[in-house]
Protein backbone atom coordinates (compact mmCIF):
# COMPACT_ATOMS: atom_id res chain seq x y z
CA UNK A 1 -7.85 102.23 58.27
CA UNK A 2 -8.35 99.28 56.57
CA UNK A 3 -10.41 96.84 57.43
CA UNK A 4 -9.16 93.20 56.50
CA UNK A 5 -10.62 89.36 56.39
CA UNK A 6 -7.91 87.23 57.02
CA UNK A 7 -8.53 83.92 56.09
CA UNK A 8 -5.75 81.13 57.08
CA UNK A 9 -5.42 83.49 60.04
CA UNK A 10 -3.59 80.46 62.09
CA UNK A 11 -1.17 79.32 59.51
CA UNK A 12 2.06 80.43 58.65
CA UNK A 13 1.38 83.56 56.17
CA UNK A 14 -2.03 84.56 58.44
CA UNK A 15 0.00 84.79 61.63
CA UNK A 16 2.92 86.90 60.29
CA UNK A 17 0.23 88.93 58.85
CA UNK A 18 -0.95 89.71 62.37
CA UNK A 19 2.22 90.44 63.52
CA UNK A 20 2.21 93.21 60.60
CA UNK A 21 -1.22 94.18 61.71
CA UNK A 22 -0.03 94.47 65.51
CA UNK A 23 2.55 96.73 64.75
CA UNK A 24 0.34 99.05 62.69
CA UNK A 25 -2.97 99.15 64.23
CA UNK A 26 -3.42 102.62 63.31
CA UNK A 27 -3.54 101.33 59.79
CA UNK A 28 -5.26 98.05 59.72
CA UNK A 29 -8.38 96.96 61.78
CA UNK A 30 -9.22 92.94 61.73
CA UNK A 31 -12.71 92.38 60.91
CA UNK A 32 -12.60 88.82 60.40
CA UNK A 33 -10.57 85.41 61.07
CA UNK A 34 -10.98 82.20 59.56
CA UNK A 35 -9.10 78.81 60.46
CA UNK A 36 -8.92 75.40 59.36
CA UNK A 37 -8.64 73.32 62.82
CA UNK A 38 -6.57 75.45 65.31
CA UNK A 39 -9.27 76.64 67.41
CA UNK A 40 -6.74 77.22 70.38
CA UNK A 41 -5.11 80.10 68.37
CA UNK A 42 -8.05 81.03 66.31
CA UNK A 43 -9.41 81.80 69.95
CA UNK A 44 -6.57 83.85 71.09
CA UNK A 45 -6.67 85.81 68.11
CA UNK A 46 -10.04 86.68 67.97
CA UNK A 47 -9.53 88.09 71.23
CA UNK A 48 -6.51 89.78 70.81
CA UNK A 49 -7.41 91.58 67.74
CA UNK A 50 -11.03 92.20 68.86
CA UNK A 51 -12.52 90.31 65.78
CA UNK A 52 -16.17 90.95 64.53
CA UNK A 53 -16.24 87.61 63.29
CA UNK A 54 -14.45 84.45 63.01
CA UNK A 55 -15.12 81.02 61.12
CA UNK A 56 -13.56 77.44 62.05
CA UNK A 57 -13.86 75.26 58.61
CA UNK A 58 -13.83 72.39 61.29
CA UNK A 59 -17.61 71.99 62.30
CA UNK A 60 -16.85 69.85 65.41
CA UNK A 61 -15.03 72.82 66.85
CA UNK A 62 -17.76 75.20 66.83
CA UNK A 63 -19.26 74.68 70.15
CA UNK A 64 -15.84 75.16 71.57
CA UNK A 65 -14.91 78.50 69.39
CA UNK A 66 -18.47 79.89 70.65
CA UNK A 67 -18.18 78.82 74.01
CA UNK A 68 -14.54 80.62 74.33
CA UNK A 69 -15.76 83.83 72.96
CA UNK A 70 -19.39 83.66 74.51
CA UNK A 71 -18.52 86.90 76.73
CA UNK A 72 -17.32 88.89 73.96
CA UNK A 73 -19.89 90.04 70.99
CA UNK A 74 -17.89 88.26 68.37
CA UNK A 75 -19.90 86.60 65.55
CA UNK A 76 -19.04 82.58 65.50
CA UNK A 77 -19.83 80.54 62.52
CA UNK A 78 -18.33 77.24 60.68
CA UNK A 79 -17.68 75.50 57.80
CA UNK A 80 -16.52 76.01 54.22
CA UNK A 81 -19.63 77.94 53.29
CA UNK A 82 -19.67 80.60 56.10
CA UNK A 83 -15.93 81.17 55.17
CA UNK A 84 -17.05 81.80 51.63
CA UNK A 85 -19.97 83.71 52.79
CA UNK A 86 -18.07 86.18 55.60
CA UNK A 87 -15.60 87.98 53.19
CA UNK A 88 -19.07 89.52 51.44
CA UNK A 89 -19.62 91.51 54.48
CA UNK A 90 -19.84 95.11 53.86
CA UNK A 91 -17.28 96.78 56.20
CA UNK A 92 -14.37 94.52 54.71
CA UNK A 93 -12.27 96.29 52.26
CA UNK A 94 -9.35 93.73 51.80
CA UNK A 95 -9.38 90.25 52.06
CA UNK A 96 -6.05 88.47 53.00
CA UNK A 97 -6.30 84.99 51.20
CA UNK A 98 -3.86 82.68 53.38
CA UNK A 99 -5.77 79.18 52.87
CA UNK A 100 -3.89 76.58 51.84
CA UNK A 101 -4.60 74.80 48.52
CA UNK A 102 -7.96 74.60 46.15
CA UNK A 103 -9.76 75.30 49.51
CA UNK A 104 -8.96 79.35 48.57
CA UNK A 105 -10.95 79.49 45.24
CA UNK A 106 -14.40 79.55 46.14
CA UNK A 107 -13.67 82.48 48.83
CA UNK A 108 -11.63 84.53 46.79
CA UNK A 109 -14.58 84.24 43.86
CA UNK A 110 -16.75 85.54 46.54
CA UNK A 111 -14.72 88.33 47.70
CA UNK A 112 -14.04 89.60 44.10
CA UNK A 113 -17.58 89.47 43.14
CA UNK A 114 -18.07 91.46 46.45
CA UNK A 115 -15.73 94.36 45.06
CA UNK A 116 -13.08 93.44 47.82
CA UNK A 117 -9.53 93.94 47.04
CA UNK A 118 -7.65 90.79 47.13
CA UNK A 119 -3.92 90.09 48.78
CA UNK A 120 -3.81 86.60 47.27
CA UNK A 121 -1.25 84.21 49.38
CA UNK A 122 -3.12 81.57 47.85
CA UNK A 123 -1.25 80.65 44.89
CA UNK A 124 -3.75 77.73 43.80
CA UNK A 125 -6.19 80.06 43.34
CA UNK A 126 -4.67 81.28 39.91
CA UNK A 127 -3.43 78.04 39.17
CA UNK A 128 -6.30 76.35 39.34
CA UNK A 129 -8.81 78.86 37.56
CA UNK A 130 -6.67 81.96 36.33
CA UNK A 131 -8.50 82.59 33.42
CA UNK A 132 -11.92 82.98 35.38
CA UNK A 133 -10.14 85.23 38.34
CA UNK A 134 -8.90 87.61 35.73
CA UNK A 135 -12.07 87.67 33.98
CA UNK A 136 -13.76 88.64 37.38
CA UNK A 137 -11.19 90.61 38.51
CA UNK A 138 -11.35 92.85 35.42
CA UNK A 139 -15.38 92.55 35.65
CA UNK A 140 -15.53 93.66 39.21
CA UNK A 141 -12.68 96.39 39.24
CA UNK A 142 -10.80 94.58 41.88
CA UNK A 143 -7.21 94.73 42.31
CA UNK A 144 -5.27 91.41 43.18
CA UNK A 145 -2.13 92.07 45.03
CA UNK A 146 0.42 89.45 44.91
CA UNK A 147 1.92 88.41 48.38
CA UNK A 148 3.86 85.54 47.39
CA UNK A 149 7.50 87.11 47.85
CA UNK A 150 8.57 86.00 44.08
CA UNK A 151 5.37 87.73 42.97
CA UNK A 152 5.84 90.67 44.91
CA UNK A 153 9.25 91.17 43.80
CA UNK A 154 8.24 91.31 40.21
CA UNK A 155 5.30 93.65 41.30
CA UNK A 156 7.69 96.16 43.08
CA UNK A 157 10.03 96.06 40.26
CA UNK A 158 7.39 96.89 37.60
CA UNK A 159 6.05 99.69 39.91
CA UNK A 160 6.50 102.83 37.83
CA UNK A 161 7.18 100.62 34.70
CA UNK A 162 3.70 99.75 33.59
CA UNK A 163 4.02 101.67 30.22
CA UNK A 164 7.72 99.79 29.37
CA UNK A 165 7.73 96.33 27.66
CA UNK A 166 8.73 93.29 29.55
CA UNK A 167 10.96 90.77 27.74
CA UNK A 168 10.89 88.54 30.26
CA UNK A 169 10.85 87.91 34.28
CA UNK A 170 12.94 85.46 36.16
CA UNK A 171 11.85 83.72 39.09
CA UNK A 172 14.43 82.80 41.69
CA UNK A 173 13.96 79.44 43.35
CA UNK A 174 16.17 78.47 46.66
CA UNK A 175 16.47 74.83 45.39
CA UNK A 176 14.96 73.18 48.95
CA UNK A 177 16.97 70.68 50.84
CA UNK A 178 17.48 68.65 48.26
CA UNK A 179 19.13 70.85 46.02
CA UNK A 180 22.71 68.73 46.25
CA UNK A 181 21.38 65.32 46.64
CA UNK A 182 21.28 62.93 43.34
CA UNK A 183 18.32 61.33 41.89
CA UNK A 184 19.36 57.60 43.25
CA UNK A 185 19.14 59.77 47.05
CA UNK A 186 15.54 60.93 46.75
CA UNK A 187 13.65 58.05 46.96
CA UNK A 188 14.70 57.18 50.34
CA UNK A 189 14.30 61.06 51.71
CA UNK A 190 12.07 61.29 54.84
CA UNK A 191 9.20 63.47 55.46
CA UNK A 192 11.61 65.13 58.43
CA UNK A 193 13.87 65.78 55.92
CA UNK A 194 11.45 67.03 53.21
CA UNK A 195 10.11 69.67 55.84
CA UNK A 196 13.69 71.34 56.73
CA UNK A 197 13.49 74.31 54.47
CA UNK A 198 16.97 75.83 54.10
CA UNK A 199 15.69 79.25 54.42
CA UNK A 200 11.68 79.58 54.70
CA UNK A 201 9.40 78.96 57.37
CA UNK A 202 6.24 77.99 56.01
CA UNK A 203 3.66 75.27 56.56
CA UNK A 204 4.09 71.46 55.51
CA UNK A 205 2.14 71.69 52.60
CA UNK A 206 4.02 74.47 50.82
CA UNK A 207 7.47 73.15 52.46
CA UNK A 208 7.03 69.84 50.68
CA UNK A 209 5.74 71.48 47.40
CA UNK A 210 9.33 73.61 47.65
CA UNK A 211 11.30 70.52 48.07
CA UNK A 212 10.16 69.09 45.22
CA UNK A 213 10.01 72.59 43.09
CA UNK A 214 5.97 72.02 42.56
CA UNK A 215 5.77 75.23 44.56
CA UNK A 216 7.84 77.10 41.56
CA UNK A 217 5.96 75.53 39.04
CA UNK A 218 2.76 76.73 40.45
CA UNK A 219 4.50 80.23 40.80
CA UNK A 220 5.52 80.05 37.16
CA UNK A 221 1.39 79.21 36.13
CA UNK A 222 0.39 82.09 38.87
CA UNK A 223 2.82 84.56 37.45
CA UNK A 224 1.28 84.38 33.98
CA UNK A 225 -1.87 85.50 34.96
CA UNK A 226 -0.82 88.38 37.50
CA UNK A 227 1.28 89.47 35.09
CA UNK A 228 -0.25 88.92 31.59
CA UNK A 229 3.03 87.12 30.30
CA UNK A 230 3.65 84.10 27.78
CA UNK A 231 5.31 80.65 29.22
CA UNK A 232 8.32 81.11 26.81
CA UNK A 233 8.70 84.86 29.16
CA UNK A 234 8.72 83.09 32.52
CA UNK A 235 12.34 81.93 33.45
CA UNK A 236 13.26 80.00 36.75
CA UNK A 237 16.63 80.36 38.61
CA UNK A 238 18.02 78.45 41.20
CA UNK A 239 19.22 80.92 43.84
CA UNK A 240 20.41 79.12 47.04
CA UNK A 241 20.70 82.41 49.39
CA UNK A 242 17.16 83.58 48.70
CA UNK A 243 18.16 87.23 48.97
CA UNK A 244 17.03 88.32 45.27
CA UNK A 245 13.48 87.28 45.25
CA UNK A 246 12.88 87.63 41.34
CA UNK A 247 13.58 89.88 38.87
CA UNK A 248 12.16 91.30 35.57
CA UNK A 249 13.86 92.05 32.21
CA UNK A 250 12.81 94.90 30.49
CA UNK A 251 13.26 94.88 26.32
CA UNK A 252 16.38 97.14 26.68
CA UNK A 253 18.24 94.38 28.45
CA UNK A 254 18.19 96.23 31.69
CA UNK A 255 17.14 94.06 34.51
CA UNK A 256 15.59 94.95 37.62
CA UNK A 257 16.02 92.93 41.03
CA UNK A 258 14.37 93.03 44.16
CA UNK A 259 16.15 92.59 47.00
CA UNK A 260 15.85 91.43 51.09
CA UNK A 261 16.19 88.64 53.78
CA UNK A 262 14.04 85.70 53.55
CA UNK A 263 11.38 87.35 55.84
CA UNK A 264 7.30 87.34 54.40
CA UNK A 265 6.42 90.00 56.67
CA UNK A 266 7.89 92.36 54.32
CA UNK A 267 5.91 91.40 51.12
CA UNK A 268 2.90 90.82 53.37
CA UNK A 269 3.04 94.14 54.90
CA UNK A 270 3.92 95.91 50.78
CA UNK A 271 0.68 94.06 49.69
CA UNK A 272 -1.57 95.21 52.67
CA UNK A 273 -0.04 98.79 52.88
CA UNK A 274 0.36 99.54 48.72
CA UNK A 275 0.53 101.54 47.16
CA UNK A 276 2.29 103.28 50.19
CA UNK A 277 5.44 101.84 51.77
CA UNK A 278 5.24 102.14 55.31
CA UNK A 279 7.94 101.86 58.39
CA UNK A 280 9.18 98.90 59.52
CA UNK A 281 11.44 96.70 62.34
CA UNK A 282 12.03 93.96 59.87
CA UNK A 283 15.93 92.85 60.19
CA UNK A 284 17.39 94.53 57.40
CA UNK A 285 20.04 92.90 54.56
CA UNK A 286 23.82 93.40 55.39
CA UNK A 287 25.71 92.84 52.05
CA UNK A 288 28.71 91.47 53.84
CA UNK A 289 27.38 88.61 55.13
CA UNK A 290 26.21 87.66 51.74
CA UNK A 291 29.82 87.97 49.78
CA UNK A 292 28.33 85.46 47.37
CA UNK A 293 25.43 85.24 45.40
CA UNK A 294 25.05 82.33 43.16
CA UNK A 295 22.63 81.02 40.40
CA UNK A 296 22.23 77.65 38.77
CA UNK A 297 19.20 76.04 36.09
CA UNK A 298 16.47 73.93 37.57
CA UNK A 299 17.34 70.21 37.27
CA UNK A 300 13.87 69.26 35.96
CA UNK A 301 15.36 65.64 35.79
CA UNK A 302 15.67 65.72 39.43
CA UNK A 303 12.45 67.63 40.04
CA UNK A 304 9.98 66.89 36.91
CA UNK A 305 7.26 69.03 39.10
CA UNK A 306 8.58 72.00 37.52
CA UNK A 307 8.03 70.79 34.03
CA UNK A 308 4.74 69.42 34.64
CA UNK A 309 3.80 72.98 35.42
CA UNK A 310 5.09 74.24 32.24
CA UNK A 311 3.26 71.73 29.90
CA UNK A 312 0.01 72.56 32.13
CA UNK A 313 0.84 76.09 31.51
CA UNK A 314 0.73 75.21 28.06
CA UNK A 315 -1.96 73.29 27.45
CA UNK A 316 -4.04 75.96 29.75
CA UNK A 317 -7.81 74.56 30.62
CA UNK A 318 -8.54 72.78 33.24
CA UNK A 319 -4.50 71.02 33.11
CA UNK A 320 -3.32 73.35 35.60
CA UNK A 321 -6.21 72.29 37.80
CA UNK A 322 -5.34 68.62 37.46
CA UNK A 323 -1.91 69.24 38.72
CA UNK A 324 -2.79 70.96 41.26
CA UNK A 325 -5.38 68.36 42.69
CA UNK A 326 -2.94 65.76 42.14
CA UNK A 327 -0.58 67.27 43.98
CA UNK A 328 -2.73 67.80 46.85
CA UNK A 329 -3.33 64.06 47.00
CA UNK A 330 0.18 62.75 46.71
CA UNK A 331 1.69 65.21 49.42
CA UNK A 332 -0.71 64.30 51.45
CA UNK A 333 -0.09 60.89 51.16
CA UNK A 334 3.60 61.73 51.57
CA UNK A 335 3.17 63.49 54.51
CA UNK A 336 1.31 60.45 55.60
CA UNK A 337 4.20 58.28 54.66
CA UNK A 338 2.01 56.26 52.14
CA UNK A 339 4.37 56.89 49.28
CA UNK A 340 7.92 58.00 49.10
CA UNK A 341 9.35 61.18 47.56
CA UNK A 342 9.97 59.98 43.86
CA UNK A 343 6.65 58.59 43.54
CA UNK A 344 5.11 62.09 43.98
CA UNK A 345 5.90 62.94 40.79
CA UNK A 346 5.13 59.39 39.10
CA UNK A 347 1.76 59.54 40.35
CA UNK A 348 1.30 63.31 39.29
CA UNK A 349 2.52 62.68 35.92
CA UNK A 350 -0.06 59.48 35.53
CA UNK A 351 -2.59 61.42 36.64
CA UNK A 352 -2.05 64.00 33.81
CA UNK A 353 -2.61 61.59 31.17
CA UNK A 354 -5.93 60.29 32.53
CA UNK A 355 -8.05 63.05 33.01
CA UNK A 356 -9.49 64.69 29.56
CA UNK A 357 -8.53 68.27 28.42
CA UNK A 358 -10.81 70.79 28.68
CA UNK A 359 -10.04 74.16 26.51
CA UNK A 360 -12.47 76.77 28.30
CA UNK A 361 -13.89 74.92 31.32
CA UNK A 362 -16.58 77.01 33.23
CA UNK A 363 -16.37 76.89 36.93
CA UNK A 364 -18.29 73.84 37.33
CA UNK A 365 -16.13 72.25 35.00
CA UNK A 366 -13.09 72.76 37.27
CA UNK A 367 -14.83 71.96 40.10
CA UNK A 368 -15.66 68.37 38.58
CA UNK A 369 -11.94 68.42 37.11
CA UNK A 370 -10.75 68.51 40.97
CA UNK A 371 -13.18 66.14 42.17
CA UNK A 372 -12.09 63.61 39.19
CA UNK A 373 -8.66 64.14 39.51
CA UNK A 374 -8.48 63.36 43.12
CA UNK A 375 -10.23 60.02 42.60
CA UNK A 376 -7.79 59.08 40.14
CA UNK A 377 -4.47 59.93 42.55
CA UNK A 378 -6.15 58.39 45.04
CA UNK A 379 -6.82 55.26 43.09
CA UNK A 380 -3.63 54.89 41.94
CA UNK A 381 -1.84 55.42 45.57
CA UNK A 382 -4.27 52.51 46.47
């Protein structure tokens, strides 16, 4: 029986993780649930899964949460600090970090220092501070199990191959909703159009990142840290059907691919149950329904965010942190309809040029980089 903390339990990954847990109550028990604002769903989840503790990040909703759960022996907390503290609770075996963005960094660090296994769905943690996270994980002998479908695919392909040299990995990208549009059309696309992903059901921020291919750029950086690769060993190929989730090419030229329908519950379950594969009732892939699998090179003129990610990864240090912070600011502005689709890339590029490069940042320097970057990006938006 694994005791789990689900950070971001009301989001897309969190709710799907709870579906997996619901079907495997003999294997998993929920110790703690956390959410940002969705207090009503958090209350439902706490009751159903009989959590020991719940945390709402928005302190204004603490009283509502406390009152709703007053008839149960559930500990109720509020605020970002409480989320970071709850992961240290002694009974917890594994922390699923499904929070979105930079906010996932501090709780992940605290969980690692407390010796908890990490099921990582918050890619920004490794994007922002991959060197620090890897150093802490090695120091505290903590496994980091990838939940992103692409990194889970790579992890599955490498299982049993740890002593064999990798030539490169190939991350697949759906291309998002604007794959076939010309650059001239992108300035006119709406928020509603950008939120219509053709294959995956994700939260708003990640869906926009997918539409710009920033999400794939972050996955490239994450893969570097997860698998100890050089930038030139990480390729991206556009695969609109999203059936092959990613591939590993070994030095003998052989390629292994992990395939399946686009359903996040499978990589979530694989991470939670690792090293075992447990039976599921997920839909199975019928190859006759997908007679044509296609592949093409990503267009980094149309989607420069992917290029920015490679450039930041080559510079390393605090530059991926700059990239992430600038992106969070512009995505928020786009979702609030303050800027258009193409302006997101323009502002990110200008921001990257304005922040000083730090080759070996401390945690405090990551924090300051994030703060400074957001201030610059917001100033460019006006």
